[in-house]
């Protein structure tokens, strides 16, 4: 039996909104206006994150003097550079390539003078990519904790609190090693609230959290292994640099792209298409399924009562949801959000949606996200697919893949976290 082809017009608009969000966070656009003046001495460029390669290229293309350096990015996210070395490593679970790159970066910034400049390029993903364990820990210890945290439902601030206290380079330690050089950090934010201390675990900014805070996170999620990690946190030696630390006094940190910027860029596109944009928030957190229920309720309110805006309207939101993995399916947090949204809306007419990760990778899959229409559950049922069953198995990827509704961008080489757009068309009757 042939399956109905979904209406392309809402899908085209949703994709245009997503593309606008990505364009606003393109390093080629947002790095150059924030470059500092060249120093009297050397310029060392270091960095980590999914956008690090493209950020490095933007620096090279716009820097008037000599420079050298090294940045580490995720496999497949590299960009050719002439003077700055770009190393690729694993994410979200670190590997030896990331460890070796982090060790080289830490060594590169040591022994500098007050006339030198360290230009640090930081973006989401940098925490896993800049993997240099504390002296009494191994990379396997860090991997084990990362895997446990990823499955636990811990939010990004909790995860990075732990990571800082297992690291020899995060939580301000990189900037401390660079003293007395001037450290200028350009950040692309992927975290709710845009806190520089959370973005990539804050390698160049003071850390307000403590060993006790990190231990409390593991206790909250009942993570009791590896034993070496628990012992390290309990010993609480060599605390991270805190606010007021003189080694960080010459640091300047600028956030050059934020989730809010991307939502506003999408809102401008919506207005040009005569849809009223409603930005619900740029820092929405929580279980993907729970966030989907709330978004579904707001979408129905728009459709039924014209509140908080009359249709045609589009609800826009960003942030980072979490998924507590209970099933064995494939699917990142955006696919989980959309499938839960489909179940909650249950075919409500005139409502379409897109959710995607702005780095181009939803979790560990090959898609950025997916598209949802009012007919998605029915189309799946015609294929013998039970959306509710796949949701219970955390298999949003499988659901949208079967429908041909995955959004695949490839690596975008930026990262301002998740992007969600729910489009509500006027209906009759």
Protein backbone atom coordinates (compact mmCIF):
# COMPACT_ATOMS: atom_id res chain seq x y z
CA UNK A 1 0.00 0.00 0.00
CA UNK A 2 1.55 3.37 -1.00
CA UNK A 3 2.37 5.74 1.82
CA UNK A 4 1.19 9.34 1.60
CA UNK A 5 3.90 11.83 0.80
CA UNK A 6 4.07 14.54 3.48
CA UNK A 7 3.37 18.16 2.55
CA UNK A 8 6.69 19.71 1.55
CA UNK A 9 5.89 23.39 2.26
CA UNK A 10 6.00 23.18 6.10
CA UNK A 11 9.07 20.95 5.90
CA UNK A 12 10.86 23.40 3.62
CA UNK A 13 10.17 26.25 6.03
CA UNK A 14 11.32 24.21 9.02
CA UNK A 15 14.55 23.38 7.23
CA UNK A 16 15.04 27.06 6.34
CA UNK A 17 14.70 27.92 10.04
CA UNK A 18 17.31 25.33 10.95
CA UNK A 19 19.68 26.52 8.23
CA UNK A 20 19.38 30.10 9.49
CA UNK A 21 20.19 28.95 12.99
CA UNK A 22 23.31 27.19 11.73
CA UNK A 23 24.44 30.15 9.62
CA UNK A 24 24.30 32.52 12.57
CA UNK A 25 26.82 30.35 14.44
CA UNK A 26 29.22 29.80 11.52
CA UNK A 27 32.77 30.48 12.81
CA UNK A 28 33.68 32.17 9.52
CA UNK A 29 31.07 34.77 10.43
CA UNK A 30 31.40 35.10 14.20
CA UNK A 31 35.16 34.73 14.86
CA UNK A 32 36.69 37.66 12.88
CA UNK A 33 34.88 40.54 14.68
CA UNK A 34 36.28 39.36 18.03
CA UNK A 35 39.95 38.83 17.23
CA UNK A 36 42.32 40.77 19.51
CA UNK A 37 45.21 42.92 18.34
CA UNK A 38 48.46 41.02 17.71
CA UNK A 39 50.83 41.02 20.71
CA UNK A 40 54.44 42.18 20.93
CA UNK A 41 55.51 38.58 21.38
CA UNK A 42 54.29 35.23 20.07
CA UNK A 43 50.72 34.23 19.26
CA UNK A 44 49.83 30.68 20.26
CA UNK A 45 46.43 29.40 19.10
CA UNK A 46 44.97 26.46 21.02
CA UNK A 47 41.49 25.10 21.35
CA UNK A 48 39.06 22.24 21.47
CA UNK A 49 35.54 21.46 20.36
CA UNK A 50 33.41 20.52 17.41
CA UNK A 51 33.88 24.01 15.94
CA UNK A 52 37.60 24.26 16.74
CA UNK A 53 38.83 23.41 13.25
CA UNK A 54 36.65 25.96 11.50
CA UNK A 55 37.40 28.54 14.18
CA UNK A 56 41.13 28.00 13.60
CA UNK A 57 40.65 28.50 9.88
CA UNK A 58 38.76 31.75 10.53
CA UNK A 59 41.67 32.98 12.67
CA UNK A 60 44.21 32.09 9.98
CA UNK A 61 42.20 33.83 7.28
CA UNK A 62 41.96 37.05 9.29
CA UNK A 63 45.17 37.25 11.35
CA UNK A 64 47.69 39.90 10.23
CA UNK A 65 50.81 38.49 11.87
CA UNK A 66 52.67 35.30 12.70
CA UNK A 67 50.93 32.56 14.65
CA UNK A 68 51.23 28.89 15.50
CA UNK A 69 49.21 26.40 17.46
CA UNK A 70 47.11 23.29 17.81
CA UNK A 71 43.39 22.61 18.15
CA UNK A 72 41.54 19.33 18.61
CA UNK A 73 38.15 18.55 17.11
CA UNK A 74 35.90 15.56 16.61
CA UNK A 75 36.64 12.95 13.95
CA UNK A 76 35.26 14.19 10.64
CA UNK A 77 35.07 17.83 11.81
CA UNK A 78 38.55 18.95 10.78
CA UNK A 79 39.28 21.86 8.43
CA UNK A 80 42.53 22.31 6.48
CA UNK A 81 44.78 24.95 8.03
CA UNK A 82 48.26 26.12 7.09
CA UNK A 83 49.79 27.26 10.36
CA UNK A 84 47.54 25.81 13.06
CA UNK A 85 47.61 22.04 13.42
CA UNK A 86 44.16 20.44 13.56
CA UNK A 87 43.98 17.07 15.33
CA UNK A 88 40.87 14.88 15.29
CA UNK A 89 39.83 12.76 18.28
CA UNK A 90 36.86 10.87 19.69
CA UNK A 91 33.65 12.33 21.11
CA UNK A 92 31.70 11.88 23.37
CA UNK A 93 33.92 9.20 24.94
CA UNK A 94 37.57 10.36 24.82
CA UNK A 95 40.41 8.44 23.20
CA UNK A 96 44.21 8.45 23.10
CA UNK A 97 44.32 10.99 20.27
CA UNK A 98 42.47 13.51 22.43
CA UNK A 99 44.71 12.77 25.39
CA UNK A 100 47.87 13.27 23.34
CA UNK A 101 46.57 16.50 21.81
CA UNK A 102 45.63 17.86 25.25
CA UNK A 103 49.08 17.07 26.61
CA UNK A 104 50.70 18.88 23.69
CA UNK A 105 48.42 21.91 24.14
CA UNK A 106 49.26 22.12 27.84
CA UNK A 107 52.97 21.95 27.06
CA UNK A 108 52.65 24.51 24.25
CA UNK A 109 51.35 27.27 26.55
CA UNK A 110 53.99 26.85 29.25
CA UNK A 111 57.07 29.05 29.52
CA UNK A 112 55.48 32.07 27.82
CA UNK A 113 56.10 35.72 28.72
CA UNK A 114 53.81 38.62 29.48
CA UNK A 115 54.32 39.82 25.88
CA UNK A 116 52.83 36.62 24.44
CA UNK A 117 49.21 35.89 23.56
CA UNK A 118 47.35 32.61 23.91
CA UNK A 119 44.25 32.67 21.72
CA UNK A 120 41.98 29.88 22.92
CA UNK A 121 39.13 28.67 20.66
CA UNK A 122 36.51 26.77 22.64
CA UNK A 123 33.24 25.19 21.58
CA UNK A 124 30.89 22.41 22.59
CA UNK A 125 32.44 18.97 22.70
CA UNK A 126 35.72 20.37 23.96
CA UNK A 127 35.41 18.66 27.31
CA UNK A 128 35.61 15.14 25.87
CA UNK A 129 38.13 16.15 23.22
CA UNK A 130 40.51 17.86 25.65
CA UNK A 131 41.07 14.68 27.65
CA UNK A 132 44.09 14.83 29.94
CA UNK A 133 43.51 12.79 33.12
CA UNK A 134 44.81 13.95 36.48
CA UNK A 135 48.16 12.29 37.31
CA UNK A 136 46.65 9.48 39.43
CA UNK A 137 43.98 8.56 36.83
CA UNK A 138 44.03 6.80 33.46
CA UNK A 139 42.19 7.48 30.24
CA UNK A 140 40.19 4.30 30.83
CA UNK A 141 39.04 5.73 34.16
CA UNK A 142 37.75 8.84 32.40
CA UNK A 143 36.11 6.82 29.65
CA UNK A 144 34.23 4.70 32.17
CA UNK A 145 32.91 7.75 33.99
CA UNK A 146 31.93 9.45 30.73
CA UNK A 147 29.95 6.43 29.59
CA UNK A 148 28.18 6.16 32.94
CA UNK A 149 27.29 9.86 32.97
CA UNK A 150 26.01 9.77 29.39
CA UNK A 151 23.57 6.99 30.29
CA UNK A 152 22.57 8.43 33.66
CA UNK A 153 20.51 11.43 32.57
CA UNK A 154 22.97 13.89 34.14
CA UNK A 155 22.83 17.38 32.64
CA UNK A 156 25.82 19.06 31.00
CA UNK A 157 26.72 21.18 34.03
CA UNK A 158 26.83 18.09 36.24
CA UNK A 159 28.88 16.15 33.72
CA UNK A 160 31.40 18.94 33.31
CA UNK A 161 31.71 19.46 37.06
CA UNK A 162 32.93 15.87 37.29
CA UNK A 163 35.16 16.17 34.24
CA UNK A 164 36.94 19.24 35.63
CA UNK A 165 37.91 17.39 38.76
CA UNK A 166 39.31 14.42 36.90
CA UNK A 167 41.42 16.58 34.59
CA UNK A 168 44.87 18.15 34.43
CA UNK A 169 43.77 20.83 31.94
CA UNK A 170 40.10 21.78 32.49
CA UNK A 171 38.50 24.03 35.07
CA UNK A 172 40.94 26.92 34.52
CA UNK A 173 44.08 24.80 34.57
CA UNK A 174 45.00 25.61 30.95
CA UNK A 175 44.96 29.36 31.61
CA UNK A 176 46.90 28.90 34.85
CA UNK A 177 49.61 27.04 32.91
CA UNK A 178 49.82 29.90 30.38
CA UNK A 179 50.49 32.64 32.97
CA UNK A 180 51.85 35.31 32.70
CA UNK A 181 50.82 35.39 29.02
CA UNK A 182 47.59 37.12 28.08
CA UNK A 183 44.83 34.57 27.43
CA UNK A 184 41.98 35.54 25.12
CA UNK A 185 39.23 32.94 24.86
CA UNK A 186 36.59 32.97 22.12
CA UNK A 187 33.68 30.69 22.95
CA UNK A 188 30.81 29.24 20.97
CA UNK A 189 28.27 28.31 23.63
CA UNK A 190 26.45 25.00 23.63
CA UNK A 191 25.24 25.07 27.22
CA UNK A 192 22.07 26.38 28.85
CA UNK A 193 22.82 29.75 30.40
CA UNK A 194 26.03 30.29 28.38
CA UNK A 195 28.24 29.90 31.46
CA UNK A 196 31.91 30.01 30.32
CA UNK A 197 32.82 27.76 33.26
CA UNK A 198 30.58 25.02 31.83
CA UNK A 199 31.38 25.34 28.10
CA UNK A 200 33.92 22.57 27.40
CA UNK A 201 34.50 22.40 31.18
CA UNK A 202 35.99 25.91 31.24
CA UNK A 203 39.71 25.29 30.57
CA UNK A 204 40.57 29.00 30.71
CA UNK A 205 38.15 30.39 33.30
CA UNK A 206 37.87 30.06 37.10
CA UNK A 207 35.95 27.07 38.40
CA UNK A 208 33.38 27.74 41.14
CA UNK A 209 32.73 24.02 41.72
CA UNK A 210 34.63 21.71 44.06
CA UNK A 211 35.72 18.11 44.46
CA UNK A 212 32.80 17.70 46.85
CA UNK A 213 30.38 18.89 44.17
CA UNK A 214 31.80 16.37 41.69
CA UNK A 215 31.53 13.54 44.21
CA UNK A 216 27.92 14.53 44.89
CA UNK A 217 27.06 14.20 41.18
CA UNK A 218 28.36 10.63 41.07
CA UNK A 219 26.49 9.82 44.27
CA UNK A 220 23.27 11.32 42.86
CA UNK A 221 23.39 8.97 39.87
CA UNK A 222 24.67 5.97 41.83
CA UNK A 223 27.96 5.83 39.91
CA UNK A 224 30.42 3.92 42.10
CA UNK A 225 33.12 2.90 39.61
CA UNK A 226 35.97 3.11 38.77
CA UNK A 227 37.39 2.92 42.27
CA UNK A 228 40.32 5.18 41.29
CA UNK A 229 37.91 7.97 40.37
CA UNK A 230 36.04 7.73 43.65
CA UNK A 231 39.32 7.77 45.56
CA UNK A 232 40.56 10.76 43.56
CA UNK A 233 37.45 12.81 44.32
CA UNK A 234 37.53 11.90 48.01
CA UNK A 235 41.22 12.84 48.32
CA UNK A 236 40.40 16.30 46.89
CA UNK A 237 44.01 17.25 46.17
CA UNK A 238 45.01 20.11 43.83
CA UNK A 239 41.69 21.94 43.58
CA UNK A 240 40.87 23.79 40.34
CA UNK A 241 41.69 27.55 40.14
CA UNK A 242 38.96 29.64 41.75
CA UNK A 243 37.68 33.17 41.07
CA UNK A 244 40.37 35.64 42.06
CA UNK A 245 43.27 33.33 41.28
CA UNK A 246 46.10 35.66 40.15
CA UNK A 247 47.21 33.23 37.44
CA UNK A 248 43.97 33.94 35.59
CA UNK A 249 44.06 37.72 36.03
CA UNK A 250 45.04 38.43 32.40
CA UNK A 251 42.28 36.35 30.90
CA UNK A 252 39.58 37.81 28.64
CA UNK A 253 36.63 35.63 27.67
CA UNK A 254 34.07 36.45 24.98
CA UNK A 255 31.09 34.37 23.88
CA UNK A 256 30.89 34.91 20.12
CA UNK A 257 27.85 32.74 19.33
CA UNK A 258 24.98 31.62 21.55
CA UNK A 259 21.84 29.52 21.23
CA UNK A 260 19.76 32.70 21.58
CA UNK A 261 21.46 34.19 18.51
CA UNK A 262 20.44 31.16 16.46
CA UNK A 263 16.85 31.30 17.71
CA UNK A 264 16.63 34.98 16.78
CA UNK A 265 18.02 34.23 13.30
CA UNK A 266 15.34 31.57 12.83
CA UNK A 267 12.67 33.95 14.14
CA UNK A 268 13.61 36.47 11.45
CA UNK A 269 13.09 33.83 8.75
CA UNK A 270 9.73 32.89 10.26
CA UNK A 271 8.54 36.49 10.16
CA UNK A 272 9.47 36.79 6.49
CA UNK A 273 7.28 33.74 5.86
CA UNK A 274 4.40 35.42 7.76
CA UNK A 275 4.62 33.07 10.74
CA UNK A 276 4.66 34.60 14.21
CA UNK A 277 7.74 33.35 16.07
CA UNK A 278 7.48 32.55 19.77
CA UNK A 279 10.83 31.91 21.43
CA UNK A 280 10.12 29.69 24.42
CA UNK A 281 13.68 29.75 25.74
CA UNK A 282 17.29 29.12 24.79
CA UNK A 283 18.21 27.01 27.81
CA UNK A 284 15.47 24.41 28.20
CA UNK A 285 16.63 21.28 30.01
CA UNK A 286 15.08 18.07 31.28
CA UNK A 287 14.21 14.64 29.99
CA UNK A 288 13.50 14.84 26.25
CA UNK A 289 10.14 13.12 26.72
CA UNK A 290 9.05 15.55 29.43
CA UNK A 291 10.13 18.58 27.39
CA UNK A 292 8.16 17.17 24.45
CA UNK A 293 4.99 16.95 26.57
CA UNK A 294 5.27 20.62 27.52
CA UNK A 295 5.93 21.69 23.93
CA UNK A 296 2.95 19.64 22.74
CA UNK A 297 0.71 21.38 25.26
CA UNK A 298 1.82 24.83 24.10
CA UNK A 299 1.39 23.87 20.44
CA UNK A 300 -2.18 22.69 21.09
CA UNK A 301 -2.92 25.94 22.93
CA UNK A 302 -1.82 27.90 19.86
CA UNK A 303 -3.89 25.70 17.55
CA UNK A 304 -7.07 25.78 19.67
CA UNK A 305 -7.07 29.19 21.31
CA UNK A 306 -4.46 31.36 19.58
CA UNK A 307 -2.38 31.63 22.74
CA UNK A 308 0.36 32.78 23.23
CA UNK A 309 0.15 33.57 19.49
CA UNK A 310 -2.34 32.94 16.73
CA UNK A 311 -1.55 30.52 13.94
CA UNK A 312 0.35 30.65 11.68
CA UNK A 313 3.03 30.56 14.35
CA UNK A 314 6.24 28.74 15.12
CA UNK A 315 7.52 27.79 18.56
CA UNK A 316 11.29 28.01 18.82
CA UNK A 317 13.46 26.67 21.62
CA UNK A 318 17.00 25.64 22.41
CA UNK A 319 18.95 24.10 25.24
CA UNK A 320 19.99 20.56 25.93
CA UNK A 321 17.63 17.81 26.94
CA UNK A 322 18.75 14.50 28.37
CA UNK A 323 17.76 10.91 27.75
CA UNK A 324 17.84 8.27 30.45
CA UNK A 325 18.56 5.18 28.36
CA UNK A 326 16.33 2.25 29.25
CA UNK A 327 15.91 0.59 25.86
CA UNK A 328 18.27 -0.77 23.24
CA UNK A 329 17.28 1.38 20.27
CA UNK A 330 19.21 3.99 18.33
CA UNK A 331 18.39 7.61 18.76
CA UNK A 332 19.75 10.88 20.12
CA UNK A 333 17.91 13.34 22.30
CA UNK A 334 16.34 15.20 19.36
CA UNK A 335 14.88 12.07 17.81
CA UNK A 336 13.60 11.10 21.27
CA UNK A 337 12.03 14.54 21.69
CA UNK A 338 10.30 14.36 18.32
CA UNK A 339 8.96 10.85 18.78
CA UNK A 340 7.62 11.77 22.21
CA UNK A 341 6.09 14.89 20.64
CA UNK A 342 4.42 12.74 17.98
CA UNK A 343 2.93 10.47 20.61
CA UNK A 344 1.72 13.44 22.67
CA UNK A 345 0.15 15.24 19.70
CA UNK A 346 -1.31 12.00 18.30
CA UNK A 347 -1.87 13.39 14.83
CA UNK A 348 -3.19 16.85 15.78
CA UNK A 349 -3.76 18.54 12.40
CA UNK A 350 -1.56 21.36 11.17
CA UNK A 351 1.39 20.82 13.49
CA UNK A 352 4.83 20.06 12.07
CA UNK A 353 8.20 20.07 13.81
CA UNK A 354 11.94 19.82 13.40
CA UNK A 355 14.48 19.12 16.13
CA UNK A 356 18.20 18.84 15.54
CA UNK A 357 21.61 19.23 17.09
CA UNK A 358 23.41 22.18 15.57
CA UNK A 359 26.68 20.23 15.41
CA UNK A 360 25.07 17.93 12.84
CA UNK A 361 25.20 14.84 15.05
CA UNK A 362 22.23 13.81 17.18
CA UNK A 363 23.88 11.80 19.94
CA UNK A 364 26.14 9.30 18.21
CA UNK A 365 24.16 8.80 15.00
CA UNK A 366 24.72 10.14 11.48
CA UNK A 367 21.79 12.56 11.49
CA UNK A 368 21.40 16.03 12.94
CA UNK A 369 17.78 15.38 13.83
CA UNK A 370 14.47 14.70 12.11
CA UNK A 371 11.21 16.13 10.79
CA UNK A 372 7.76 15.41 12.17
CA UNK A 373 4.34 15.88 10.59
CA UNK A 374 0.78 15.34 11.79
CA UNK A 375 0.73 12.14 9.73
CA UNK A 376 3.99 10.63 11.03
CA UNK A 377 2.41 8.09 13.38
CA UNK A 378 -0.09 7.01 10.71
CA UNK A 379 2.60 6.67 8.06
CA UNK A 380 4.64 4.56 10.46
CA UNK A 381 1.65 2.40 11.32
CA UNK A 382 1.15 1.70 7.61
CA UNK A 383 4.67 0.24 7.68
CA UNK A 384 3.85 -1.87 10.73
CA UNK A 385 5.81 0.42 13.06
CA UNK A 386 4.42 1.23 16.50
CA UNK A 387 5.76 4.65 17.51
CA UNK A 388 4.96 4.15 21.18
CA UNK A 389 6.87 0.88 21.28
CA UNK A 390 9.92 2.45 19.63
CA UNK A 391 9.78 5.35 22.09
CA UNK A 392 9.84 2.88 24.97
CA UNK A 393 12.95 1.36 23.38
CA UNK A 394 14.68 4.76 22.91
CA UNK A 395 14.57 4.18 19.15
CA UNK A 396 13.65 7.55 17.71
CA UNK A 397 16.32 7.13 15.04
CA UNK A 398 14.75 3.88 13.84
CA UNK A 399 11.31 5.49 13.66
CA UNK A 400 12.32 8.51 11.57
CA UNK A 401 14.78 6.54 9.46
CA UNK A 402 11.99 4.19 8.40
CA UNK A 403 9.91 7.19 7.30
CA UNK A 404 12.79 8.83 5.43
CA UNK A 405 12.43 11.84 7.71
CA UNK A 406 15.93 12.13 9.16
CA UNK A 407 17.67 15.49 8.77
CA UNK A 408 21.24 14.80 7.64
CA UNK A 409 23.64 17.75 7.37
CA UNK A 410 26.98 16.11 8.04
CA UNK A 411 29.33 17.87 10.49
CA UNK A 412 28.40 21.57 10.63
CA UNK A 413 31.64 22.51 12.44
CA UNK A 414 29.76 24.66 14.90
CA UNK A 415 27.67 23.89 17.97
CA UNK A 416 25.09 26.04 19.75
CA UNK A 417 23.22 23.08 21.15
CA UNK A 418 19.80 21.75 20.22
CA UNK A 419 17.36 23.59 17.98
CA UNK A 420 13.63 22.92 18.03
CA UNK A 421 10.92 24.44 15.85
CA UNK A 422 7.23 23.55 16.01
CA UNK A 423 5.18 25.04 13.21
CA UNK A 424 1.43 25.49 13.71
CA UNK A 425 -0.67 26.16 10.61
CA UNK A 426 -4.20 27.56 10.68
CA UNK A 427 -6.82 24.82 10.42
CA UNK A 428 -10.46 24.93 9.46
CA UNK A 429 -13.41 23.24 11.09
